[in-house]
Amino acid sequence: MTAPLIASETGLAQQGGAGEAARRPARRRTRLTWLGSRLGFYLFVTWVAITLNFFIPRLMPGDPAQAVIQAMTQRNGQMPPPETVHSIQLLFGNPDKPLFSQYVGYLGQLVHGDLGLSISQYPVPVIDLVRAALPWTLLLVGASTVIAFVIGVGLGIVVGWRPGRRFDTVVTPLSTVIGVVPYFWVALLAVWVFAVKLGWAPVSGGYSVDTVPGLNVPFLAGALRYGLLPVATIVFSSFGGWVFGQRNMMVTTLSEDYVLLARAKGLPGWKVMLVYAARNAMLPSITNFALAIGGLVGGALLTEIVFSYPGMGFLLFDAVSKRDYPTMQAVFLLITLTVLLANFVADSVYVLLDPRTRESR
């Protein structure tokens, strides 16, 4: 009786191992299928965004070519020659060419990285304006987003570890109030107090005009000095949301079985808080951080306007005020593509970390 029983158990174990080995490729195929479907969806949305980016400015009242001609007339005091007018019309959309042909040509320009010429700074290519503004925005919004995330999530972990205590009753309502304060109001107040009254920071700009732009110490030190107040403004206005979200996730995670088991085993409190509770409670915050990174290209529009900071937000504001359609299109397109890319990365990371997010097949 014993030998057949052992053989039977061995056979079941082998069958179980074979079944598990067979399920692994199936799970891998499920992941790849899910990611493939999501990639197809994002490619479709990208095409829709590019199409809307082409048609919406052309449905707006006004004519980009006419705006350039009027600007040249005001600047020179006379109407440009007819051949110049015809060249500008061809450049910003041939009126004799069908709209679909213009759309196909626009797609061809995008494939070659051609974003057109700026109207307000004609004949400067839009790609040059973007290259000049993008590093400033990455520095400003990137640094402020990372700092706000670290401060907010760290404070949310500490507050959520012991909910209901005095520290929690003070920090949570305060962070909620701070989180709803508008950026521009904080920026204006910061300029008035720290720049105008105290003179601790420059009033506007991104660097000192006395320095030569480039990788040199005076320029980098000046850029850091000019960027401290805008970064502090964004961090102050945005870290409250991270605190509130992380605190609520910590409170929810503390009731999970694995946290209760860690406490019952007598593990140190700091280890339970960081390794068991915070590690799992941070997943939604990491996703939100990826989505926040997607908004980097757009810049902090109002903050950059208040400080006259030479980033993408200020570039977009200047393009809208001067009806610079090619620059507007380029900035909107970059913002859309960056947000879509960040969403796809967040979806991909989540489907690899949490199988529950995958659709059943």
Protein backbone atom coordinates (compact mmCIF):
# COMPACT_ATOMS: atom_id res chain seq x y z
CA MET A 1 0.00 0.00 0.00
CA THR A 2 2.83 2.35 0.81
CA ALA A 3 4.63 2.13 -2.55
CA PRO A 4 1.55 2.81 -4.69
CA LEU A 5 0.64 5.71 -2.39
CA ILE A 6 4.11 7.24 -2.71
CA ALA A 7 4.02 6.75 -6.45
CA SER A 8 0.59 8.35 -6.63
CA GLU A 9 1.75 11.36 -4.61
CA THR A 10 4.87 11.65 -6.77
CA GLY A 11 2.74 11.58 -9.90
CA LEU A 12 0.46 14.27 -8.56
CA ALA A 13 3.45 16.42 -7.67
CA GLN A 14 4.90 15.97 -11.13
CA GLN A 15 1.56 16.80 -12.71
CA GLY A 16 1.28 19.89 -10.50
CA GLY A 17 4.78 20.99 -11.48
CA ALA A 18 4.02 20.41 -15.14
CA GLY A 19 0.77 22.36 -14.80
CA GLU A 20 2.57 25.27 -13.18
CA ALA A 21 5.21 25.23 -15.91
CA ALA A 22 2.46 25.28 -18.53
CA ARG A 23 0.71 28.20 -16.84
CA ARG A 24 3.83 30.38 -16.86
CA PRO A 25 3.95 30.84 -20.67
CA ALA A 26 0.18 31.44 -20.60
CA ARG A 27 0.59 34.20 -18.04
CA ARG A 28 3.45 35.64 -20.09
CA ARG A 29 1.27 35.60 -23.21
CA THR A 30 -1.50 37.30 -21.25
CA ARG A 31 0.85 40.09 -20.23
CA LEU A 32 2.14 40.55 -23.78
CA THR A 33 -1.37 40.48 -25.21
CA TRP A 34 -2.57 43.05 -22.70
CA LEU A 35 0.41 45.33 -23.32
CA GLY A 36 -0.02 44.93 -27.07
CA SER A 37 -3.67 45.95 -26.90
CA ARG A 38 -2.81 48.96 -24.74
CA LEU A 39 -0.01 49.95 -27.14
CA GLY A 40 -2.46 49.81 -30.04
CA PHE A 41 -4.91 51.97 -28.10
CA TYR A 42 -2.26 54.60 -27.32
CA LEU A 43 -1.06 54.64 -30.92
CA PHE A 44 -4.64 55.30 -32.03
CA VAL A 45 -5.05 58.08 -29.46
CA THR A 46 -1.74 59.57 -30.63
CA TRP A 47 -3.04 59.68 -34.21
CA VAL A 48 -6.26 61.32 -33.02
CA ALA A 49 -4.27 63.91 -31.05
CA ILE A 50 -2.08 64.72 -34.07
CA THR A 51 -5.17 65.04 -36.27
CA LEU A 52 -6.95 67.36 -33.85
CA ASN A 53 -3.74 69.34 -33.44
CA PHE A 54 -3.78 69.96 -37.20
CA PHE A 55 -7.45 70.80 -37.70
CA ILE A 56 -8.35 72.84 -34.58
CA PRO A 57 -6.06 75.83 -35.31
CA ARG A 58 -7.31 75.91 -38.89
CA LEU A 59 -10.92 76.05 -37.68
CA MET A 60 -10.15 79.04 -35.46
CA PRO A 61 -11.02 82.52 -36.77
CA GLY A 62 -8.13 84.28 -38.41
CA ASP A 63 -5.38 83.34 -40.82
CA PRO A 64 -1.74 82.67 -39.76
CA ALA A 65 -0.42 83.89 -43.10
CA GLN A 66 -2.43 87.10 -42.80
CA ALA A 67 -1.10 87.60 -39.26
CA VAL A 68 2.50 87.39 -40.56
CA ILE A 69 1.75 89.79 -43.40
CA GLN A 70 0.17 92.29 -41.02
CA ALA A 71 3.13 92.05 -38.63
CA MET A 72 5.59 92.65 -41.50
CA THR A 73 3.50 95.59 -42.69
CA GLN A 74 3.50 97.20 -39.24
CA ARG A 75 7.22 96.60 -38.81
CA ASN A 76 8.29 97.89 -42.25
CA GLY A 77 5.63 100.54 -42.72
CA GLN A 78 4.55 99.14 -46.08
CA MET A 79 2.88 96.11 -47.61
CA PRO A 80 5.25 93.27 -48.56
CA PRO A 81 5.73 92.57 -52.29
CA PRO A 82 3.19 90.20 -53.90
CA GLU A 83 5.77 87.43 -54.30
CA THR A 84 6.57 87.63 -50.55
CA VAL A 85 2.86 87.45 -49.70
CA HIS A 86 2.46 84.39 -51.93
CA SER A 87 5.50 82.72 -50.33
CA ILE A 88 4.09 83.29 -46.83
CA GLN A 89 0.73 81.86 -47.87
CA LEU A 90 2.44 78.78 -49.23
CA LEU A 91 4.46 78.42 -46.05
CA PHE A 92 1.54 78.59 -43.62
CA GLY A 93 -1.03 76.73 -45.68
CA ASN A 94 -1.61 77.01 -49.39
CA PRO A 95 -5.14 78.41 -49.83
CA ASP A 96 -5.37 76.72 -53.24
CA LYS A 97 -4.38 73.32 -51.82
CA PRO A 98 -7.07 70.94 -50.45
CA LEU A 99 -7.17 70.57 -46.68
CA PHE A 100 -6.48 66.83 -46.89
CA SER A 101 -3.32 67.45 -48.92
CA GLN A 102 -2.20 69.95 -46.29
CA TYR A 103 -2.86 67.28 -43.63
CA VAL A 104 -0.74 64.73 -45.45
CA GLY A 105 2.03 67.28 -45.80
CA TYR A 106 1.76 68.06 -42.08
CA LEU A 107 2.22 64.38 -41.23
CA GLY A 108 5.26 64.28 -43.48
CA GLN A 109 6.73 67.28 -41.69
CA LEU A 110 6.24 65.61 -38.30
CA VAL A 111 7.98 62.46 -39.50
CA HIS A 112 11.02 64.57 -40.42
CA GLY A 113 10.89 66.55 -37.14
CA ASP A 114 9.79 69.75 -38.87
CA LEU A 115 7.43 71.74 -36.61
CA GLY A 116 7.24 74.75 -38.91
CA LEU A 117 8.37 78.36 -38.50
CA SER A 118 7.31 80.70 -35.73
CA ILE A 119 4.98 83.55 -36.66
CA SER A 120 5.86 85.84 -33.76
CA GLN A 121 9.61 85.32 -34.28
CA TYR A 122 9.60 84.69 -38.02
CA PRO A 123 11.61 83.07 -39.58
CA VAL A 124 12.92 81.19 -36.49
CA PRO A 125 12.03 77.45 -36.61
CA VAL A 126 9.65 76.34 -33.85
CA ILE A 127 11.94 73.44 -32.95
CA ASP A 128 14.63 75.99 -31.97
CA LEU A 129 12.19 77.76 -29.63
CA VAL A 130 11.22 74.42 -28.05
CA ARG A 131 14.86 73.42 -27.60
CA ALA A 132 15.55 76.71 -25.85
CA ALA A 133 12.53 76.53 -23.52
CA LEU A 134 12.35 72.80 -22.72
CA PRO A 135 15.48 72.56 -20.50
CA TRP A 136 14.18 75.39 -18.29
CA THR A 137 10.85 73.64 -17.81
CA LEU A 138 12.51 70.29 -17.11
CA LEU A 139 14.65 71.99 -14.48
CA LEU A 140 11.80 73.91 -12.88
CA VAL A 141 8.92 71.43 -12.98
CA GLY A 142 11.11 68.32 -12.76
CA ALA A 143 12.92 69.46 -9.63
CA SER A 144 9.74 70.75 -7.97
CA THR A 145 7.81 67.54 -8.76
CA VAL A 146 10.51 65.28 -7.33
CA ILE A 147 10.93 67.43 -4.19
CA ALA A 148 7.17 67.68 -3.61
CA PHE A 149 6.80 63.91 -4.10
CA VAL A 150 9.57 63.04 -1.64
CA ILE A 151 8.36 65.49 1.02
CA GLY A 152 4.67 64.73 0.58
CA VAL A 153 4.95 60.93 0.46
CA GLY A 154 7.43 60.84 3.36
CA LEU A 155 5.22 63.05 5.50
CA GLY A 156 2.14 61.05 4.48
CA ILE A 157 3.79 57.81 5.62
CA VAL A 158 4.64 59.26 9.02
CA VAL A 159 1.18 60.80 9.48
CA GLY A 160 -0.69 57.70 8.28
CA TRP A 161 1.32 55.36 10.52
CA ARG A 162 -0.46 56.71 13.61
CA PRO A 163 -3.80 58.16 12.43
CA GLY A 164 -5.81 60.22 14.85
CA ARG A 165 -2.83 61.47 16.82
CA ARG A 166 -2.18 65.18 17.35
CA PHE A 167 0.36 65.29 14.50
CA ASP A 168 -2.23 63.82 12.16
CA THR A 169 -4.98 66.23 13.21
CA VAL A 170 -2.70 69.18 12.48
CA VAL A 171 -0.84 68.10 9.33
CA THR A 172 -3.73 66.52 7.38
CA PRO A 173 -6.13 69.51 7.44
CA LEU A 174 -3.24 71.91 6.86
CA SER A 175 -2.00 69.97 3.83
CA THR A 176 -5.54 69.87 2.45
CA VAL A 177 -5.88 73.64 2.71
CA ILE A 178 -2.45 74.19 1.14
CA GLY A 179 -3.31 71.82 -1.71
CA VAL A 180 -6.26 73.94 -2.88
CA VAL A 181 -4.35 77.26 -2.89
CA PRO A 182 -3.83 78.36 -6.55
CA TYR A 183 -0.29 78.38 -7.91
CA PHE A 184 -0.47 81.92 -9.21
CA TRP A 185 -1.67 83.35 -5.88
CA VAL A 186 1.24 81.73 -4.04
CA ALA A 187 3.61 82.91 -6.78
CA LEU A 188 2.41 86.51 -6.59
CA LEU A 189 2.65 86.49 -2.80
CA ALA A 190 6.15 84.98 -2.96
CA VAL A 191 7.31 87.64 -5.43
CA TRP A 192 5.90 90.46 -3.29
CA VAL A 193 7.38 89.17 -0.01
CA PHE A 194 10.71 87.56 -0.93
CA ALA A 195 11.63 89.49 -4.08
CA VAL A 196 10.14 92.97 -3.69
CA LYS A 197 10.06 93.49 0.07
CA LEU A 198 13.00 91.41 1.31
CA GLY A 199 15.09 91.34 -1.87
CA TRP A 200 16.17 87.74 -1.27
CA ALA A 201 15.41 86.58 -4.82
CA PRO A 202 15.18 88.07 -8.34
CA VAL A 203 11.79 89.39 -9.37
CA SER A 204 11.66 87.69 -12.79
CA GLY A 205 13.68 85.86 -15.41
CA GLY A 206 15.63 82.63 -15.53
CA TYR A 207 19.23 83.83 -15.40
CA SER A 208 21.30 86.97 -15.07
CA VAL A 209 21.91 88.96 -18.26
CA ASP A 210 25.47 89.58 -17.07
CA THR A 211 26.39 85.89 -17.54
CA VAL A 212 27.06 83.96 -20.73
CA PRO A 213 24.58 81.05 -21.20
CA GLY A 214 26.33 77.67 -21.18
CA LEU A 215 27.93 75.12 -18.92
CA ASN A 216 29.89 77.58 -16.81
CA VAL A 217 29.77 78.20 -13.08
CA PRO A 218 28.47 81.82 -13.10
CA PHE A 219 25.58 80.96 -15.43
CA LEU A 220 24.60 77.78 -13.55
CA ALA A 221 24.80 79.54 -10.18
CA GLY A 222 22.63 82.36 -11.51
CA ALA A 223 20.09 79.93 -12.97
CA LEU A 224 19.92 78.15 -9.62
CA ARG A 225 19.37 81.45 -7.80
CA TYR A 226 16.63 82.53 -10.21
CA GLY A 227 14.93 79.13 -10.01
CA LEU A 228 14.80 78.73 -6.22
CA LEU A 229 11.71 80.87 -5.65
CA PRO A 230 9.62 79.36 -8.52
CA VAL A 231 10.57 75.84 -7.38
CA ALA A 232 9.68 76.64 -3.76
CA THR A 233 6.35 78.08 -4.92
CA ILE A 234 5.38 74.93 -6.84
CA VAL A 235 6.55 72.62 -4.05
CA PHE A 236 4.55 74.55 -1.44
CA SER A 237 1.40 74.41 -3.57
CA SER A 238 1.63 70.75 -4.60
CA PHE A 239 3.08 68.70 -1.73
CA GLY A 240 -0.23 68.78 0.20
CA GLY A 241 -1.90 66.49 -2.34
CA TRP A 242 0.85 63.89 -1.95
CA VAL A 243 0.52 64.03 1.85
CA PHE A 244 -3.24 63.52 1.79
CA GLY A 245 -3.18 60.66 -0.73
CA GLN A 246 -0.31 58.78 0.91
CA ARG A 247 -1.82 59.20 4.39
CA ASN A 248 -5.14 57.67 3.31
CA MET A 249 -3.40 54.73 1.61
CA MET A 250 -1.34 54.09 4.75
CA VAL A 251 -4.48 54.03 6.90
CA THR A 252 -6.06 51.50 4.52
CA THR A 253 -2.94 49.33 4.38
CA LEU A 254 -2.57 49.13 8.19
CA SER A 255 -5.64 46.88 8.37
CA GLU A 256 -4.22 44.31 5.92
CA ASP A 257 -3.37 40.84 7.22
CA TYR A 258 0.34 40.99 6.37
CA VAL A 259 0.75 44.18 8.44
CA LEU A 260 -1.12 42.67 11.39
CA LEU A 261 1.02 39.52 11.12
CA ALA A 262 4.23 41.58 11.09
CA ARG A 263 3.11 43.37 14.21
CA ALA A 264 2.14 40.08 15.90
CA LYS A 265 5.63 38.69 15.19
CA GLY A 266 7.08 41.55 17.20
CA LEU A 267 9.03 43.20 14.40
CA PRO A 268 10.35 46.73 15.04
CA GLY A 269 7.84 49.47 14.36
CA TRP A 270 10.03 51.23 11.77
CA LYS A 271 10.40 47.99 9.82
CA VAL A 272 6.66 47.32 9.81
CA MET A 273 6.00 50.90 8.72
CA LEU A 274 8.53 51.02 5.89
CA VAL A 275 8.83 47.43 4.63
CA TYR A 276 5.29 46.16 5.07
CA ALA A 277 2.93 49.16 5.12
CA ALA A 278 4.60 51.98 3.18
CA ARG A 279 6.02 49.72 0.49
CA ASN A 280 2.52 48.62 -0.58
CA ALA A 281 0.77 51.91 0.13
CA MET A 282 3.14 53.74 -2.23
CA LEU A 283 1.93 51.98 -5.41
CA PRO A 284 -0.81 54.54 -6.22
CA SER A 285 1.59 57.38 -5.41
CA ILE A 286 4.16 55.97 -7.83
CA THR A 287 1.50 55.83 -10.54
CA ASN A 288 0.48 59.42 -9.84
CA PHE A 289 4.14 60.42 -9.91
CA ALA A 290 4.51 58.90 -13.38
CA LEU A 291 1.47 60.85 -14.55
CA ALA A 292 2.84 64.03 -12.98
CA ILE A 293 6.09 63.52 -14.88
CA GLY A 294 3.97 63.40 -18.03
CA GLY A 295 2.98 67.01 -17.41
CA LEU A 296 6.56 68.24 -17.36
CA VAL A 297 6.58 69.44 -20.95
CA GLY A 298 3.57 71.67 -20.38
CA GLY A 299 5.36 73.52 -17.63
CA ALA A 300 3.81 75.39 -14.73
CA LEU A 301 2.05 77.89 -16.98
CA LEU A 302 0.87 80.45 -14.42
CA THR A 303 4.01 80.23 -12.31
CA GLU A 304 6.23 80.77 -15.36
CA ILE A 305 4.10 83.74 -16.40
CA VAL A 306 4.33 85.37 -12.95
CA PHE A 307 8.12 84.93 -12.81
CA SER A 308 8.64 85.49 -16.57
CA TYR A 309 10.50 82.19 -16.48
CA PRO A 310 11.69 81.15 -19.98
CA GLY A 311 10.04 77.71 -20.02
CA MET A 312 7.43 75.92 -22.11
CA GLY A 313 4.55 77.47 -20.21
CA PHE A 314 5.75 80.99 -20.92
CA LEU A 315 6.43 80.01 -24.55
CA LEU A 316 2.84 78.77 -24.88
CA PHE A 317 1.46 81.94 -23.29
CA ASP A 318 3.48 84.10 -25.67
CA ALA A 319 2.36 82.04 -28.67
CA VAL A 320 -1.32 82.28 -27.71
CA SER A 321 -1.14 86.03 -27.09
CA LYS A 322 0.52 86.58 -30.49
CA ARG A 323 -1.58 83.96 -32.35
CA ASP A 324 1.53 82.02 -33.25
CA TYR A 325 -0.23 78.91 -34.58
CA PRO A 326 2.84 76.77 -35.42
CA THR A 327 4.30 77.27 -31.93
CA MET A 328 0.94 76.58 -30.30
CA GLN A 329 0.59 73.38 -32.30
CA ALA A 330 4.09 72.23 -31.39
CA VAL A 331 3.64 72.82 -27.64
CA PHE A 332 0.20 71.20 -27.54
CA LEU A 333 1.50 68.20 -29.47
CA LEU A 334 4.50 67.73 -27.17
CA ILE A 335 2.29 67.97 -24.08
CA THR A 336 -0.15 65.41 -25.48
CA LEU A 337 2.54 62.94 -26.54
CA THR A 338 4.34 63.20 -23.20
CA VAL A 339 1.14 62.59 -21.22
CA LEU A 340 0.26 59.60 -23.40
CA LEU A 341 3.75 58.15 -23.00
CA ALA A 342 3.60 58.59 -19.21
CA ASN A 343 0.18 56.89 -19.09
CA PHE A 344 1.45 53.96 -21.13
CA VAL A 345 4.51 53.55 -18.90
CA ALA A 346 2.31 53.68 -15.79
CA ASP A 347 -0.07 51.10 -17.26
CA SER A 348 2.82 48.83 -18.22
CA VAL A 349 4.45 49.01 -14.79
CA TYR A 350 1.16 48.37 -13.03
CA VAL A 351 0.26 45.35 -15.13
CA LEU A 352 3.65 43.81 -14.36
CA LEU A 353 3.39 44.51 -10.62
CA ASP A 354 -0.28 43.76 -10.02
CA PRO A 355 -1.97 40.91 -11.98
CA ARG A 356 -5.40 42.12 -10.85
CA THR A 357 -5.15 45.06 -13.27
CA ARG A 358 -5.00 42.75 -16.28
CA GLU A 359 -8.18 42.08 -18.20
CA SER A 360 -9.42 38.53 -18.07
CA ARG A 361 -8.95 36.59 -21.25
